[in-house]
Amino acid sequence: MWQDEILEEIHRIREEHAKSFNYDLDAMFADWRKKQAESGRQVVSLTPKRRTNKSLHPTA
């Protein structure tokens, strides 16, 4: 069977990270946020677009 080494590495890293926080999603998320803040990269948050009741195909 074909194996993707990169995908296997990603799964291994994610498993190690989860295990280090005892699979606590709140703690894992806090760690991701901390790493994101420490990265120094600009984070862009976009507001979701509101849906309108207008038809996509207006009649003339």
PDB file of N, CA and C in Angstrom:
ATOM      1  N   MET A   1       0.836  -1.180   0.000  1.00  0.00           N
ATOM      2  CA  MET A   1       0.000   0.000   0.000  1.00  0.00           C
ATOM      3  C   MET A   1       0.881   1.244   0.000  1.00  0.00           C
ATOM      4  N   TRP A   2       0.462   2.278  -0.728  1.00  0.00           N
ATOM      5  CA  TRP A   2       1.206   3.522  -0.850  1.00  0.00           C
ATOM      6  C   TRP A   2       1.090   4.324   0.440  1.00  0.00           C
ATOM      7  N   GLN A   3       2.220   4.879   0.898  1.00  0.00           N
ATOM      8  CA  GLN A   3       2.220   5.664   2.127  1.00  0.00           C
ATOM      9  C   GLN A   3       2.783   7.051   1.841  1.00  0.00           C
ATOM     10  N   ASP A   4       2.136   8.040   2.394  1.00  0.00           N
ATOM     11  CA  ASP A   4       2.578   9.419   2.240  1.00  0.00           C
ATOM     12  C   ASP A   4       3.383   9.794   3.480  1.00  0.00           C
ATOM     13  N   GLU A   5       4.690   9.939   3.314  1.00  0.00           N
ATOM     14  CA  GLU A   5       5.581  10.216   4.443  1.00  0.00           C
ATOM     15  C   GLU A   5       5.263  11.560   5.101  1.00  0.00           C
ATOM     16  N   ILE A   6       4.921  12.551   4.300  1.00  0.00           N
ATOM     17  CA  ILE A   6       4.617  13.875   4.844  1.00  0.00           C
ATOM     18  C   ILE A   6       3.350  13.820   5.683  1.00  0.00           C
ATOM     19  N   LEU A   7       2.335  13.159   5.172  1.00  0.00           N
ATOM     20  CA  LEU A   7       1.084  13.029   5.915  1.00  0.00           C
ATOM     21  C   LEU A   7       1.287  12.244   7.209  1.00  0.00           C
ATOM     22  N   GLU A   8       2.081  11.207   7.157  1.00  0.00           N
ATOM     23  CA  GLU A   8       2.383  10.430   8.365  1.00  0.00           C
ATOM     24  C   GLU A   8       3.100  11.294   9.402  1.00  0.00           C
ATOM     25  N   GLU A   9       4.004  12.159   8.944  1.00  0.00           N
ATOM     26  CA  GLU A   9       4.715  13.039   9.862  1.00  0.00           C
ATOM     27  C   GLU A   9       3.758  14.042  10.505  1.00  0.00           C
ATOM     28  N   ILE A  10       2.852  14.589   9.710  1.00  0.00           N
ATOM     29  CA  ILE A  10       1.857  15.517  10.245  1.00  0.00           C
ATOM     30  C   ILE A  10       1.005  14.831  11.301  1.00  0.00           C
ATOM     31  N   HIS A  11       0.556  13.634  11.022  1.00  0.00           N
ATOM     32  CA  HIS A  11      -0.263  12.886  11.991  1.00  0.00           C
ATOM     33  C   HIS A  11       0.524  12.608  13.274  1.00  0.00           C
ATOM     34  N   ARG A  12       1.796  12.278  13.132  1.00  0.00           N
ATOM     35  CA  ARG A  12       2.639  11.997  14.296  1.00  0.00           C
ATOM     36  C   ARG A  12       2.800  13.253  15.158  1.00  0.00           C
ATOM     37  N   ILE A  13       3.069  14.375  14.507  1.00  0.00           N
ATOM     38  CA  ILE A  13       3.256  15.631  15.234  1.00  0.00           C
ATOM     39  C   ILE A  13       1.964  16.036  15.934  1.00  0.00           C
ATOM     40  N   ARG A  14       0.841  15.899  15.253  1.00  0.00           N
ATOM     41  CA  ARG A  14      -0.444  16.258  15.863  1.00  0.00           C
ATOM     42  C   ARG A  14      -0.761  15.359  17.049  1.00  0.00           C
ATOM     43  N   GLU A  15      -0.453  14.095  16.924  1.00  0.00           N
ATOM     44  CA  GLU A  15      -0.692  13.150  18.016  1.00  0.00           C
ATOM     45  C   GLU A  15       0.192  13.485  19.215  1.00  0.00           C
ATOM     46  N   GLU A  16       1.458  13.788  18.961  1.00  0.00           N
ATOM     47  CA  GLU A  16       2.368  14.159  20.051  1.00  0.00           C
ATOM     48  C   GLU A  16       1.892  15.429  20.755  1.00  0.00           C
ATOM     49  N   HIS A  17       1.452  16.391  19.980  1.00  0.00           N
ATOM     50  CA  HIS A  17       0.960  17.644  20.559  1.00  0.00           C
ATOM     51  C   HIS A  17      -0.270  17.376  21.422  1.00  0.00           C
ATOM     52  N   ALA A  18      -1.214  16.626  20.901  1.00  0.00           N
ATOM     53  CA  ALA A  18      -2.438  16.311  21.652  1.00  0.00           C
ATOM     54  C   ALA A  18      -2.108  15.551  22.936  1.00  0.00           C
ATOM     55  N   LYS A  19      -1.208  14.589  22.816  1.00  0.00           N
ATOM     56  CA  LYS A  19      -0.833  13.779  23.979  1.00  0.00           C
ATOM     57  C   LYS A  19      -0.153  14.635  25.044  1.00  0.00           C
ATOM     58  N   SER A  20       0.650  15.608  24.623  1.00  0.00           N
ATOM     59  CA  SER A  20       1.356  16.452  25.595  1.00  0.00           C
ATOM     60  C   SER A  20       0.398  17.312  26.409  1.00  0.00           C
ATOM     61  N   PHE A  21      -0.816  17.527  25.896  1.00  0.00           N
ATOM     62  CA  PHE A  21      -1.834  18.286  26.613  1.00  0.00           C
ATOM     63  C   PHE A  21      -2.949  17.380  27.122  1.00  0.00           C
ATOM     64  N   ASN A  22      -2.667  16.090  27.180  1.00  0.00           N
ATOM     65  CA  ASN A  22      -3.637  15.102  27.662  1.00  0.00           C
ATOM     66  C   ASN A  22      -4.956  15.200  26.897  1.00  0.00           C
ATOM     67  N   TYR A  23      -4.854  15.501  25.604  1.00  0.00           N
ATOM     68  CA  TYR A  23      -5.994  15.580  24.691  1.00  0.00           C
ATOM     69  C   TYR A  23      -7.030  16.615  25.133  1.00  0.00           C
ATOM     70  N   ASP A  24      -6.581  17.654  25.868  1.00  0.00           N
ATOM     71  CA  ASP A  24      -7.452  18.738  26.319  1.00  0.00           C
ATOM     72  C   ASP A  24      -7.498  19.798  25.224  1.00  0.00           C
ATOM     73  N   LEU A  25      -8.636  19.902  24.525  1.00  0.00           N
ATOM     74  CA  LEU A  25      -8.739  20.817  23.394  1.00  0.00           C
ATOM     75  C   LEU A  25      -8.549  22.272  23.798  1.00  0.00           C
ATOM     76  N   ASP A  26      -9.055  22.662  24.957  1.00  0.00           N
ATOM     77  CA  ASP A  26      -8.884  24.039  25.407  1.00  0.00           C
ATOM     78  C   ASP A  26      -7.403  24.368  25.600  1.00  0.00           C
ATOM     79  N   ALA A  27      -6.661  23.461  26.200  1.00  0.00           N
ATOM     80  CA  ALA A  27      -5.224  23.673  26.420  1.00  0.00           C
ATOM     81  C   ALA A  27      -4.477  23.674  25.089  1.00  0.00           C
ATOM     82  N   MET A  28      -4.856  22.791  24.187  1.00  0.00           N
ATOM     83  CA  MET A  28      -4.211  22.732  22.879  1.00  0.00           C
ATOM     84  C   MET A  28      -4.449  24.033  22.116  1.00  0.00           C
ATOM     85  N   PHE A  29      -5.685  24.526  22.144  1.00  0.00           N
ATOM     86  CA  PHE A  29      -6.024  25.751  21.442  1.00  0.00           C
ATOM     87  C   PHE A  29      -5.270  26.937  22.037  1.00  0.00           C
ATOM     88  N   ALA A  30      -5.167  26.984  23.365  1.00  0.00           N
ATOM     89  CA  ALA A  30      -4.421  28.057  24.024  1.00  0.00           C
ATOM     90  C   ALA A  30      -2.954  28.030  23.589  1.00  0.00           C
ATOM     91  N   ASP A  31      -2.394  26.850  23.452  1.00  0.00           N
ATOM     92  CA  ASP A  31      -1.009  26.719  23.004  1.00  0.00           C
ATOM     93  C   ASP A  31      -0.851  27.212  21.571  1.00  0.00           C
ATOM     94  N   TRP A  32      -1.804  26.874  20.691  1.00  0.00           N
ATOM     95  CA  TRP A  32      -1.747  27.341  19.302  1.00  0.00           C
ATOM     96  C   TRP A  32      -1.826  28.862  19.244  1.00  0.00           C
ATOM     97  N   ARG A  33      -2.718  29.437  20.070  1.00  0.00           N
ATOM     98  CA  ARG A  33      -2.849  30.898  20.110  1.00  0.00           C
ATOM     99  C   ARG A  33      -1.550  31.543  20.597  1.00  0.00           C
ATOM    100  N   LYS A  34      -0.923  30.952  21.605  1.00  0.00           N
ATOM    101  CA  LYS A  34       0.329  31.475  22.148  1.00  0.00           C
ATOM    102  C   LYS A  34       1.415  31.436  21.077  1.00  0.00           C
ATOM    103  N   LYS A  35       1.522  30.315  20.375  1.00  0.00           N
ATOM    104  CA  LYS A  35       2.527  30.190  19.315  1.00  0.00           C
ATOM    105  C   LYS A  35       2.253  31.174  18.177  1.00  0.00           C
ATOM    106  N   GLN A  36       0.976  31.389  17.893  1.00  0.00           N
ATOM    107  CA  GLN A  36       0.586  32.328  16.848  1.00  0.00           C
ATOM    108  C   GLN A  36       1.025  33.741  17.239  1.00  0.00           C
ATOM    109  N   ALA A  37       0.795  34.139  18.480  1.00  0.00           N
ATOM    110  CA  ALA A  37       1.172  35.467  18.956  1.00  0.00           C
ATOM    111  C   ALA A  37       2.691  35.630  18.964  1.00  0.00           C
ATOM    112  N   GLU A  38       3.401  34.583  19.320  1.00  0.00           N
ATOM    113  CA  GLU A  38       4.859  34.642  19.391  1.00  0.00           C
ATOM    114  C   GLU A  38       5.523  34.622  18.011  1.00  0.00           C
ATOM    115  N   SER A  39       4.783  34.206  16.995  1.00  0.00           N
ATOM    116  CA  SER A  39       5.375  34.081  15.665  1.00  0.00           C
ATOM    117  C   SER A  39       5.727  35.428  15.056  1.00  0.00           C
ATOM    118  N   GLY A  40       5.030  36.484  15.492  1.00  0.00           N
ATOM    119  CA  GLY A  40       5.294  37.799  14.942  1.00  0.00           C
ATOM    120  C   GLY A  40       4.639  38.041  13.597  1.00  0.00           C
ATOM    121  N   ARG A  41       3.913  37.075  13.105  1.00  0.00           N
ATOM    122  CA  ARG A  41       3.247  37.229  11.816  1.00  0.00           C
ATOM    123  C   ARG A  41       1.925  37.965  12.010  1.00  0.00           C
ATOM    124  N   GLN A  42       1.525  38.713  10.993  1.00  0.00           N
ATOM    125  CA  GLN A  42       0.265  39.432  11.055  1.00  0.00           C
ATOM    126  C   GLN A  42      -0.880  38.444  10.845  1.00  0.00           C
ATOM    127  N   VAL A  43      -1.871  38.533  11.716  1.00  0.00           N
ATOM    128  CA  VAL A  43      -3.032  37.654  11.625  1.00  0.00           C
ATOM    129  C   VAL A  43      -4.208  38.485  11.123  1.00  0.00           C
ATOM    130  N   VAL A  44      -4.868  38.014  10.092  1.00  0.00           N
ATOM    131  CA  VAL A  44      -5.995  38.724   9.521  1.00  0.00           C
ATOM    132  C   VAL A  44      -7.271  37.966   9.841  1.00  0.00           C
ATOM    133  N   SER A  45      -8.225  38.664  10.418  1.00  0.00           N
ATOM    134  CA  SER A  45      -9.537  38.070  10.702  1.00  0.00           C
ATOM    135  C   SER A  45     -10.566  38.763   9.829  1.00  0.00           C
ATOM    136  N   LEU A  46     -11.235  38.002   9.029  1.00  0.00           N
ATOM    137  CA  LEU A  46     -12.254  38.556   8.148  1.00  0.00           C
ATOM    138  C   LEU A  46     -13.628  38.311   8.744  1.00  0.00           C
ATOM    139  N   THR A  47     -14.472  39.319   8.652  1.00  0.00           N
ATOM    140  CA  THR A  47     -15.841  39.136   9.132  1.00  0.00           C
ATOM    141  C   THR A  47     -16.615  38.355   8.085  1.00  0.00           C
ATOM    142  N   PRO A  48     -17.487  37.473   8.512  1.00  0.00           N
ATOM    143  CA  PRO A  48     -18.245  36.686   7.543  1.00  0.00           C
ATOM    144  C   PRO A  48     -19.209  37.566   6.747  1.00  0.00           C
ATOM    145  N   LYS A  49     -19.384  37.224   5.503  1.00  0.00           N
ATOM    146  CA  LYS A  49     -20.324  37.960   4.652  1.00  0.00           C
ATOM    147  C   LYS A  49     -21.747  37.589   5.042  1.00  0.00           C
ATOM    148  N   ARG A  50     -22.576  38.600   5.073  1.00  0.00           N
ATOM    149  CA  ARG A  50     -23.984  38.358   5.397  1.00  0.00           C
ATOM    150  C   ARG A  50     -24.711  37.933   4.142  1.00  0.00           C
ATOM    151  N   ARG A  51     -25.582  36.983   4.300  1.00  0.00           N
ATOM    152  CA  ARG A  51     -26.393  36.530   3.175  1.00  0.00           C
ATOM    153  C   ARG A  51     -27.592  37.445   3.036  1.00  0.00           C
ATOM    154  N   THR A  52     -27.990  37.688   1.836  1.00  0.00           N
ATOM    155  CA  THR A  52     -29.175  38.499   1.595  1.00  0.00           C
ATOM    156  C   THR A  52     -30.276  37.609   1.052  1.00  0.00           C
ATOM    157  N   ASN A  53     -31.476  38.113   1.096  1.00  0.00           N
ATOM    158  CA  ASN A  53     -32.616  37.347   0.575  1.00  0.00           C
ATOM    159  C   ASN A  53     -32.809  37.572  -0.913  1.00  0.00           C
ATOM    160  N   LYS A  54     -31.960  38.378  -1.508  1.00  0.00           N
ATOM    161  CA  LYS A  54     -32.077  38.639  -2.930  1.00  0.00           C
ATOM    162  C   LYS A  54     -31.711  37.388  -3.716  1.00  0.00           C
ATOM    163  N   SER A  55     -32.419  37.185  -4.774  1.00  0.00           N
ATOM    164  CA  SER A  55     -32.166  36.028  -5.633  1.00  0.00           C
ATOM    165  C   SER A  55     -30.855  36.218  -6.380  1.00  0.00           C
ATOM    166  N   LEU A  56     -30.201  35.123  -6.650  1.00  0.00           N
ATOM    167  CA  LEU A  56     -28.979  35.185  -7.443  1.00  0.00           C
ATOM    168  C   LEU A  56     -29.283  35.475  -8.911  1.00  0.00           C
ATOM    169  N   HIS A  57     -30.508  35.162  -9.312  1.00  0.00           N
ATOM    170  CA  HIS A  57     -30.922  35.363 -10.696  1.00  0.00           C
ATOM    171  C   HIS A  57     -32.159  36.255 -10.709  1.00  0.00           C
ATOM    172  N   PRO A  58     -31.973  37.570 -10.608  1.00  0.00           N
ATOM    173  CA  PRO A  58     -33.144  38.458 -10.576  1.00  0.00           C
ATOM    174  C   PRO A  58     -33.888  38.432 -11.904  1.00  0.00           C
ATOM    175  N   THR A  59     -35.183  38.554 -11.807  1.00  0.00           N
ATOM    176  CA  THR A  59     -36.012  38.589 -13.022  1.00  0.00           C
ATOM    177  C   THR A  59     -36.191  40.033 -13.443  1.00  0.00           C
ATOM    178  N   ALA A  60     -36.251  40.248 -14.747  1.00  0.00           N
ATOM    179  CA  ALA A  60     -36.361  41.619 -15.261  1.00  0.00           C
ATOM    180  C   ALA A  60     -37.788  42.054 -15.396  1.00  0.00           C
TER     181      ALA A  60
END
